[in-house]
Protein backbone atom coordinates (compact mmCIF):
# COMPACT_ATOMS: atom_id res chain seq x y z
CA MET A 1 -17.68 -49.58 5.14
CA ASN A 2 -17.93 -46.66 7.29
CA ILE A 3 -18.90 -43.50 5.32
CA GLN A 4 -16.79 -41.47 7.04
CA ARG A 5 -13.32 -43.52 6.30
CA ILE A 6 -14.91 -43.71 2.41
CA LEU A 7 -15.40 -39.60 2.70
CA VAL A 8 -11.45 -39.05 4.55
CA THR A 9 -10.47 -41.01 1.73
CA ILE A 10 -11.99 -39.22 -1.07
CA ALA A 11 -10.74 -36.02 0.22
CA ARG A 12 -7.28 -37.25 1.03
CA VAL A 13 -6.73 -38.53 -2.42
CA SER A 14 -8.57 -35.22 -4.24
CA LEU A 15 -5.90 -33.03 -2.24
CA GLY A 16 -3.17 -34.88 -3.43
CA LEU A 17 -3.83 -34.97 -6.94
CA ILE A 18 -4.36 -31.42 -6.67
CA PHE A 19 -0.69 -31.00 -4.85
CA LEU A 20 0.84 -32.75 -7.52
CA VAL A 21 -1.11 -30.95 -10.32
CA PHE A 22 0.04 -27.79 -9.20
CA GLY A 23 3.19 -29.23 -7.95
CA LEU A 24 4.32 -30.20 -11.42
CA ASN A 25 3.06 -26.73 -13.27
CA GLY A 26 5.81 -25.04 -11.60
CA PHE A 27 8.11 -27.39 -13.53
CA LEU A 28 6.41 -28.04 -16.39
CA ASN A 29 3.91 -25.13 -17.23
CA PHE A 30 1.28 -27.01 -18.78
CA ILE A 31 -1.04 -24.65 -17.24
CA PRO A 32 -0.25 -21.67 -19.05
CA MET A 33 -0.73 -17.90 -17.01
CA GLU A 34 -1.31 -14.81 -18.57
CA PRO A 35 1.51 -11.79 -17.11
CA ILE A 36 -0.13 -10.03 -14.41
CA GLU A 37 -0.96 -6.29 -15.52
CA GLY A 38 -2.43 -3.38 -13.55
CA VAL A 39 -2.81 -3.45 -9.50
CA GLN A 40 -2.22 -6.77 -9.01
CA ALA A 41 1.09 -6.31 -10.63
CA HIS A 42 2.05 -3.64 -8.82
CA PHE A 43 1.39 -5.07 -5.41
CA TRP A 44 3.47 -8.34 -6.65
CA ALA A 45 5.59 -5.89 -7.33
CA HIS A 46 6.66 -4.63 -3.99
CA SER A 47 5.79 -7.58 -2.04
CA GLN A 48 8.76 -9.54 -3.13
CA PRO A 49 12.06 -8.86 -1.24
CA PRO A 50 14.56 -6.97 -2.73
CA ALA A 51 17.32 -9.25 -3.90
CA THR A 52 20.06 -7.53 -2.26
CA CYS A 53 18.73 -8.77 1.07
CA PHE A 54 20.22 -12.36 0.30
CA ARG A 55 23.84 -11.44 -1.12
């Protein structure tokens, strides 16, 4: 078997698992997240569009 084919398969499976785990975390919240504080909270609050844009 070709080594490149094996590496591509490993990369595809690992990326698929990463997307699966972090995608499910958005629904199931099994990886806890700490509240955002300080400069990060200020940046996040001002980078979101205002809710009035979608009404």
